[in-house]
Amino acid sequence: MRKNIHPDVKTVKFICSCGKEFEVESAVVDDEVRMEICSNCHPFYTGEERILKTGAVDKFYARMEKSKKLKK
């Protein structure tokens, strides 16, 4: 087996925007990684339904509303 081909693994601190912090062993270069969403605040794990109305989703909802009005 070849030597010195694996990256160095160290403990890295991950910080979510919700405030949860945890440490994981990783080959990431940084000592601290910030992320937007984790298992503590992700809708799949929390059971909450979040609908973000932005961009294409807004256009879709507008078309649906328009079609409902035309059917009436």
PDB file of N, CA and C in Angstrom:
ATOM      1  N   MET A   1       0.846  -1.180   0.000  1.00  0.00           N
ATOM      2  CA  MET A   1       0.000   0.000   0.000  1.00  0.00           C
ATOM      3  C   MET A   1       0.890   1.242   0.000  1.00  0.00           C
ATOM      4  N   ARG A   2       0.498   2.225  -0.799  1.00  0.00           N
ATOM      5  CA  ARG A   2       1.294   3.447  -0.874  1.00  0.00           C
ATOM      6  C   ARG A   2       1.113   4.288   0.380  1.00  0.00           C
ATOM      7  N   LYS A   3       2.187   4.932   0.776  1.00  0.00           N
ATOM      8  CA  LYS A   3       2.144   5.770   1.972  1.00  0.00           C
ATOM      9  C   LYS A   3       1.956   7.228   1.580  1.00  0.00           C
ATOM     10  N   ASN A   4       1.425   8.010   2.512  1.00  0.00           N
ATOM     11  CA  ASN A   4       1.258   9.455   2.379  1.00  0.00           C
ATOM     12  C   ASN A   4       0.338   9.859   1.223  1.00  0.00           C
ATOM     13  N   ILE A   5      -0.688   9.062   0.932  1.00  0.00           N
ATOM     14  CA  ILE A   5      -1.645   9.453  -0.107  1.00  0.00           C
ATOM     15  C   ILE A   5      -2.974   9.902   0.492  1.00  0.00           C
ATOM     16  N   HIS A   6      -3.177   9.641   1.780  1.00  0.00           N
ATOM     17  CA  HIS A   6      -4.433  10.009   2.414  1.00  0.00           C
ATOM     18  C   HIS A   6      -4.340  11.419   3.007  1.00  0.00           C
ATOM     19  N   PRO A   7      -5.427  12.171   2.968  1.00  0.00           N
ATOM     20  CA  PRO A   7      -5.407  13.518   3.545  1.00  0.00           C
ATOM     21  C   PRO A   7      -5.358  13.459   5.074  1.00  0.00           C
ATOM     22  N   ASP A   8      -4.872  14.524   5.651  1.00  0.00           N
ATOM     23  CA  ASP A   8      -4.852  14.619   7.114  1.00  0.00           C
ATOM     24  C   ASP A   8      -6.273  14.815   7.624  1.00  0.00           C
ATOM     25  N   VAL A   9      -6.634  14.051   8.628  1.00  0.00           N
ATOM     26  CA  VAL A   9      -7.966  14.153   9.222  1.00  0.00           C
ATOM     27  C   VAL A   9      -7.820  14.841  10.567  1.00  0.00           C
ATOM     28  N   LYS A  10      -8.665  15.847  10.799  1.00  0.00           N
ATOM     29  CA  LYS A  10      -8.634  16.568  12.068  1.00  0.00           C
ATOM     30  C   LYS A  10     -10.058  16.868  12.505  1.00  0.00           C
ATOM     31  N   THR A  11     -10.223  17.290  13.728  1.00  0.00           N
ATOM     32  CA  THR A  11     -11.534  17.635  14.262  1.00  0.00           C
ATOM     33  C   THR A  11     -11.910  19.038  13.797  1.00  0.00           C
ATOM     34  N   VAL A  12     -13.081  19.147  13.167  1.00  0.00           N
ATOM     35  CA  VAL A  12     -13.563  20.411  12.630  1.00  0.00           C
ATOM     36  C   VAL A  12     -14.874  20.770  13.316  1.00  0.00           C
ATOM     37  N   LYS A  13     -15.037  22.035  13.650  1.00  0.00           N
ATOM     38  CA  LYS A  13     -16.251  22.514  14.301  1.00  0.00           C
ATOM     39  C   LYS A  13     -17.228  23.007  13.240  1.00  0.00           C
ATOM     40  N   PHE A  14     -18.432  22.429  13.216  1.00  0.00           N
ATOM     41  CA  PHE A  14     -19.484  22.842  12.290  1.00  0.00           C
ATOM     42  C   PHE A  14     -20.496  23.678  13.052  1.00  0.00           C
ATOM     43  N   ILE A  15     -20.849  24.838  12.505  1.00  0.00           N
ATOM     44  CA  ILE A  15     -21.791  25.755  13.146  1.00  0.00           C
ATOM     45  C   ILE A  15     -22.938  26.033  12.189  1.00  0.00           C
ATOM     46  N   CYS A  16     -24.157  25.760  12.629  1.00  0.00           N
ATOM     47  CA  CYS A  16     -25.345  25.988  11.812  1.00  0.00           C
ATOM     48  C   CYS A  16     -25.892  27.391  12.078  1.00  0.00           C
ATOM     49  N   SER A  17     -26.685  27.902  11.159  1.00  0.00           N
ATOM     50  CA  SER A  17     -27.276  29.221  11.337  1.00  0.00           C
ATOM     51  C   SER A  17     -28.309  29.224  12.469  1.00  0.00           C
ATOM     52  N   CYS A  18     -28.825  28.048  12.850  1.00  0.00           N
ATOM     53  CA  CYS A  18     -29.787  27.967  13.952  1.00  0.00           C
ATOM     54  C   CYS A  18     -29.089  28.044  15.309  1.00  0.00           C
ATOM     55  N   GLY A  19     -27.753  27.913  15.312  1.00  0.00           N
ATOM     56  CA  GLY A  19     -27.003  28.030  16.546  1.00  0.00           C
ATOM     57  C   GLY A  19     -26.409  26.718  17.036  1.00  0.00           C
ATOM     58  N   LYS A  20     -26.789  25.610  16.456  1.00  0.00           N
ATOM     59  CA  LYS A  20     -26.259  24.322  16.884  1.00  0.00           C
ATOM     60  C   LYS A  20     -24.815  24.175  16.430  1.00  0.00           C
ATOM     61  N   GLU A  21     -23.969  23.681  17.325  1.00  0.00           N
ATOM     62  CA  GLU A  21     -22.563  23.454  17.030  1.00  0.00           C
ATOM     63  C   GLU A  21     -22.227  22.001  17.324  1.00  0.00           C
ATOM     64  N   PHE A  22     -21.444  21.390  16.459  1.00  0.00           N
ATOM     65  CA  PHE A  22     -20.970  20.043  16.722  1.00  0.00           C
ATOM     66  C   PHE A  22     -19.624  19.843  16.043  1.00  0.00           C
ATOM     67  N   GLU A  23     -18.874  18.872  16.538  1.00  0.00           N
ATOM     68  CA  GLU A  23     -17.547  18.598  16.011  1.00  0.00           C
ATOM     69  C   GLU A  23     -17.543  17.259  15.289  1.00  0.00           C
ATOM     70  N   VAL A  24     -16.856  17.228  14.149  1.00  0.00           N
ATOM     71  CA  VAL A  24     -16.766  16.046  13.304  1.00  0.00           C
ATOM     72  C   VAL A  24     -15.326  15.936  12.820  1.00  0.00           C
ATOM     73  N   GLU A  25     -14.860  14.721  12.680  1.00  0.00           N
ATOM     74  CA  GLU A  25     -13.535  14.534  12.096  1.00  0.00           C
ATOM     75  C   GLU A  25     -13.671  14.601  10.590  1.00  0.00           C
ATOM     76  N   SER A  26     -12.855  15.449   9.969  1.00  0.00           N
ATOM     77  CA  SER A  26     -12.983  15.693   8.540  1.00  0.00           C
ATOM     78  C   SER A  26     -11.628  16.044   7.938  1.00  0.00           C
ATOM     79  N   ALA A  27     -11.554  15.963   6.615  1.00  0.00           N
ATOM     80  CA  ALA A  27     -10.343  16.334   5.898  1.00  0.00           C
ATOM     81  C   ALA A  27     -10.421  17.766   5.382  1.00  0.00           C
ATOM     82  N   VAL A  28     -11.426  18.528   5.833  1.00  0.00           N
ATOM     83  CA  VAL A  28     -11.585  19.918   5.430  1.00  0.00           C
ATOM     84  C   VAL A  28     -10.403  20.726   5.956  1.00  0.00           C
ATOM     85  N   VAL A  29      -9.954  21.687   5.184  1.00  0.00           N
ATOM     86  CA  VAL A  29      -8.779  22.485   5.548  1.00  0.00           C
ATOM     87  C   VAL A  29      -9.082  23.428   6.706  1.00  0.00           C
ATOM     88  N   ASP A  30     -10.299  23.988   6.739  1.00  0.00           N
ATOM     89  CA  ASP A  30     -10.651  24.975   7.762  1.00  0.00           C
ATOM     90  C   ASP A  30     -10.855  24.312   9.125  1.00  0.00           C
ATOM     91  N   ASP A  31     -10.691  25.111  10.196  1.00  0.00           N
ATOM     92  CA  ASP A  31     -10.951  24.624  11.549  1.00  0.00           C
ATOM     93  C   ASP A  31     -12.417  24.792  11.925  1.00  0.00           C
ATOM     94  N   GLU A  32     -13.136  25.653  11.177  1.00  0.00           N
ATOM     95  CA  GLU A  32     -14.531  25.954  11.479  1.00  0.00           C
ATOM     96  C   GLU A  32     -15.303  26.067  10.169  1.00  0.00           C
ATOM     97  N   VAL A  33     -16.468  25.422  10.094  1.00  0.00           N
ATOM     98  CA  VAL A  33     -17.304  25.456   8.902  1.00  0.00           C
ATOM     99  C   VAL A  33     -18.678  25.954   9.308  1.00  0.00           C
ATOM    100  N   ARG A  34     -19.193  26.964   8.598  1.00  0.00           N
ATOM    101  CA  ARG A  34     -20.531  27.485   8.867  1.00  0.00           C
ATOM    102  C   ARG A  34     -21.474  26.977   7.793  1.00  0.00           C
ATOM    103  N   MET A  35     -22.674  26.532   8.216  1.00  0.00           N
ATOM    104  CA  MET A  35     -23.651  26.013   7.275  1.00  0.00           C
ATOM    105  C   MET A  35     -25.011  26.623   7.549  1.00  0.00           C
ATOM    106  N   GLU A  36     -25.911  26.542   6.563  1.00  0.00           N
ATOM    107  CA  GLU A  36     -27.218  27.166   6.677  1.00  0.00           C
ATOM    108  C   GLU A  36     -28.250  26.278   7.347  1.00  0.00           C
ATOM    109  N   ILE A  37     -28.123  24.975   7.191  1.00  0.00           N
ATOM    110  CA  ILE A  37     -29.159  24.080   7.694  1.00  0.00           C
ATOM    111  C   ILE A  37     -28.526  22.781   8.192  1.00  0.00           C
ATOM    112  N   CYS A  38     -29.083  22.229   9.273  1.00  0.00           N
ATOM    113  CA  CYS A  38     -28.570  20.983   9.838  1.00  0.00           C
ATOM    114  C   CYS A  38     -29.758  20.095  10.217  1.00  0.00           C
ATOM    115  N   SER A  39     -29.486  18.968  10.829  1.00  0.00           N
ATOM    116  CA  SER A  39     -30.559  18.053  11.214  1.00  0.00           C
ATOM    117  C   SER A  39     -31.429  18.629  12.329  1.00  0.00           C
ATOM    118  N   ASN A  40     -30.932  19.627  13.033  1.00  0.00           N
ATOM    119  CA  ASN A  40     -31.698  20.254  14.107  1.00  0.00           C
ATOM    120  C   ASN A  40     -32.795  21.174  13.558  1.00  0.00           C
ATOM    121  N   CYS A  41     -32.570  21.773  12.386  1.00  0.00           N
ATOM    122  CA  CYS A  41     -33.527  22.736  11.852  1.00  0.00           C
ATOM    123  C   CYS A  41     -34.071  22.365  10.470  1.00  0.00           C
ATOM    124  N   HIS A  42     -33.651  21.236   9.890  1.00  0.00           N
ATOM    125  CA  HIS A  42     -34.129  20.822   8.568  1.00  0.00           C
ATOM    126  C   HIS A  42     -35.584  20.356   8.660  1.00  0.00           C
ATOM    127  N   PRO A  43     -36.457  20.798   7.741  1.00  0.00           N
ATOM    128  CA  PRO A  43     -37.884  20.432   7.798  1.00  0.00           C
ATOM    129  C   PRO A  43     -38.131  18.925   7.770  1.00  0.00           C
ATOM    130  N   PHE A  44     -37.303  18.149   7.123  1.00  0.00           N
ATOM    131  CA  PHE A  44     -37.494  16.703   7.076  1.00  0.00           C
ATOM    132  C   PHE A  44     -37.395  16.093   8.469  1.00  0.00           C
ATOM    133  N   TYR A  45     -36.450  16.566   9.264  1.00  0.00           N
ATOM    134  CA  TYR A  45     -36.236  16.021  10.603  1.00  0.00           C
ATOM    135  C   TYR A  45     -37.160  16.642  11.648  1.00  0.00           C
ATOM    136  N   THR A  46     -37.549  17.898  11.457  1.00  0.00           N
ATOM    137  CA  THR A  46     -38.391  18.565  12.446  1.00  0.00           C
ATOM    138  C   THR A  46     -39.871  18.309  12.218  1.00  0.00           C
ATOM    139  N   GLY A  47     -40.253  17.897  11.007  1.00  0.00           N
ATOM    140  CA  GLY A  47     -41.660  17.641  10.711  1.00  0.00           C
ATOM    141  C   GLY A  47     -42.422  18.888  10.309  1.00  0.00           C
ATOM    142  N   GLU A  48     -41.746  20.012  10.203  1.00  0.00           N
ATOM    143  CA  GLU A  48     -42.393  21.260   9.803  1.00  0.00           C
ATOM    144  C   GLU A  48     -42.437  21.348   8.279  1.00  0.00           C
ATOM    145  N   GLU A  49     -43.477  21.983   7.778  1.00  0.00           N
ATOM    146  CA  GLU A  49     -43.561  22.187   6.334  1.00  0.00           C
ATOM    147  C   GLU A  49     -43.267  23.646   6.056  1.00  0.00           C
ATOM    148  N   ARG A  50     -42.235  23.879   5.288  1.00  0.00           N
ATOM    149  CA  ARG A  50     -41.858  25.244   4.920  1.00  0.00           C
ATOM    150  C   ARG A  50     -41.952  25.370   3.415  1.00  0.00           C
ATOM    151  N   ILE A  51     -42.644  26.365   2.961  1.00  0.00           N
ATOM    152  CA  ILE A  51     -42.711  26.638   1.537  1.00  0.00           C
ATOM    153  C   ILE A  51     -42.096  28.012   1.312  1.00  0.00           C
ATOM    154  N   LEU A  52     -41.019  28.034   0.585  1.00  0.00           N
ATOM    155  CA  LEU A  52     -40.346  29.283   0.276  1.00  0.00           C
ATOM    156  C   LEU A  52     -40.853  29.779  -1.056  1.00  0.00           C
ATOM    157  N   LYS A  53     -41.521  30.904  -1.053  1.00  0.00           N
ATOM    158  CA  LYS A  53     -42.071  31.460  -2.288  1.00  0.00           C
ATOM    159  C   LYS A  53     -41.070  32.427  -2.903  1.00  0.00           C
ATOM    160  N   THR A  54     -40.195  31.879  -3.708  1.00  0.00           N
ATOM    161  CA  THR A  54     -39.197  32.710  -4.383  1.00  0.00           C
ATOM    162  C   THR A  54     -39.043  32.266  -5.822  1.00  0.00           C
ATOM    163  N   GLY A  55     -38.859  33.211  -6.704  1.00  0.00           N
ATOM    164  CA  GLY A  55     -38.535  32.923  -8.099  1.00  0.00           C
ATOM    165  C   GLY A  55     -39.566  32.085  -8.822  1.00  0.00           C
ATOM    166  N   ALA A  56     -39.149  30.922  -9.305  1.00  0.00           N
ATOM    167  CA  ALA A  56     -40.000  30.044 -10.095  1.00  0.00           C
ATOM    168  C   ALA A  56     -41.197  29.547  -9.289  1.00  0.00           C
ATOM    169  N   VAL A  57     -41.019  29.388  -7.996  1.00  0.00           N
ATOM    170  CA  VAL A  57     -42.120  28.928  -7.150  1.00  0.00           C
ATOM    171  C   VAL A  57     -43.214  29.986  -7.108  1.00  0.00           C
ATOM    172  N   ASP A  58     -42.828  31.260  -7.006  1.00  0.00           N
ATOM    173  CA  ASP A  58     -43.800  32.353  -7.029  1.00  0.00           C
ATOM    174  C   ASP A  58     -44.600  32.351  -8.324  1.00  0.00           C
ATOM    175  N   LYS A  59     -43.904  32.157  -9.435  1.00  0.00           N
ATOM    176  CA  LYS A  59     -44.583  32.134 -10.736  1.00  0.00           C
ATOM    177  C   LYS A  59     -45.559  30.968 -10.818  1.00  0.00           C
ATOM    178  N   PHE A  60     -45.172  29.820 -10.266  1.00  0.00           N
ATOM    179  CA  PHE A  60     -46.042  28.651 -10.270  1.00  0.00           C
ATOM    180  C   PHE A  60     -47.322  28.923  -9.483  1.00  0.00           C
ATOM    181  N   TYR A  61     -47.170  29.480  -8.270  1.00  0.00           N
ATOM    182  CA  TYR A  61     -48.344  29.783  -7.454  1.00  0.00           C
ATOM    183  C   TYR A  61     -49.243  30.830  -8.127  1.00  0.00           C
ATOM    184  N   ALA A  62     -48.637  31.801  -8.798  1.00  0.00           N
ATOM    185  CA  ALA A  62     -49.420  32.816  -9.500  1.00  0.00           C
ATOM    186  C   ALA A  62     -50.224  32.182 -10.636  1.00  0.00           C
ATOM    187  N   ARG A  63     -49.624  31.259 -11.373  1.00  0.00           N
ATOM    188  CA  ARG A  63     -50.347  30.561 -12.445  1.00  0.00           C
ATOM    189  C   ARG A  63     -51.482  29.716 -11.884  1.00  0.00           C
ATOM    190  N   MET A  64     -51.252  29.072 -10.757  1.00  0.00           N
ATOM    191  CA  MET A  64     -52.285  28.237 -10.146  1.00  0.00           C
ATOM    192  C   MET A  64     -53.475  29.088  -9.696  1.00  0.00           C
ATOM    193  N   GLU A  65     -53.198  30.226  -9.095  1.00  0.00           N
ATOM    194  CA  GLU A  65     -54.259  31.146  -8.662  1.00  0.00           C
ATOM    195  C   GLU A  65     -55.041  31.649  -9.866  1.00  0.00           C
ATOM    196  N   LYS A  66     -54.344  31.995 -10.927  1.00  0.00           N
ATOM    197  CA  LYS A  66     -54.980  32.504 -12.133  1.00  0.00           C
ATOM    198  C   LYS A  66     -55.886  31.434 -12.752  1.00  0.00           C
ATOM    199  N   SER A  67     -55.413  30.185 -12.778  1.00  0.00           N
ATOM    200  CA  SER A  67     -56.218  29.101 -13.351  1.00  0.00           C
ATOM    201  C   SER A  67     -57.449  28.823 -12.489  1.00  0.00           C
ATOM    202  N   LYS A  68     -57.334  28.958 -11.175  1.00  0.00           N
ATOM    203  CA  LYS A  68     -58.489  28.763 -10.299  1.00  0.00           C
ATOM    204  C   LYS A  68     -59.548  29.834 -10.549  1.00  0.00           C
ATOM    205  N   LYS A  69     -59.082  31.077 -10.762  1.00  0.00           N
ATOM    206  CA  LYS A  69     -60.023  32.167 -11.020  1.00  0.00           C
ATOM    207  C   LYS A  69     -60.724  31.972 -12.364  1.00  0.00           C
ATOM    208  N   LEU A  70     -60.004  31.473 -13.363  1.00  0.00           N
ATOM    209  CA  LEU A  70     -60.588  31.258 -14.673  1.00  0.00           C
ATOM    210  C   LEU A  70     -61.606  30.117 -14.650  1.00  0.00           C
ATOM    211  N   LYS A  71     -61.390  29.115 -13.823  1.00  0.00           N
ATOM    212  CA  LYS A  71     -62.335  27.996 -13.727  1.00  0.00           C
ATOM    213  C   LYS A  71     -63.653  28.417 -13.090  1.00  0.00           C
ATOM    214  N   LYS A  72     -63.611  29.409 -12.203  1.00  0.00           N
ATOM    215  CA  LYS A  72     -64.831  29.893 -11.530  1.00  0.00           C
ATOM    216  C   LYS A  72     -65.599  30.745 -12.448  1.00  0.00           C
TER     217      LYS A  72
END
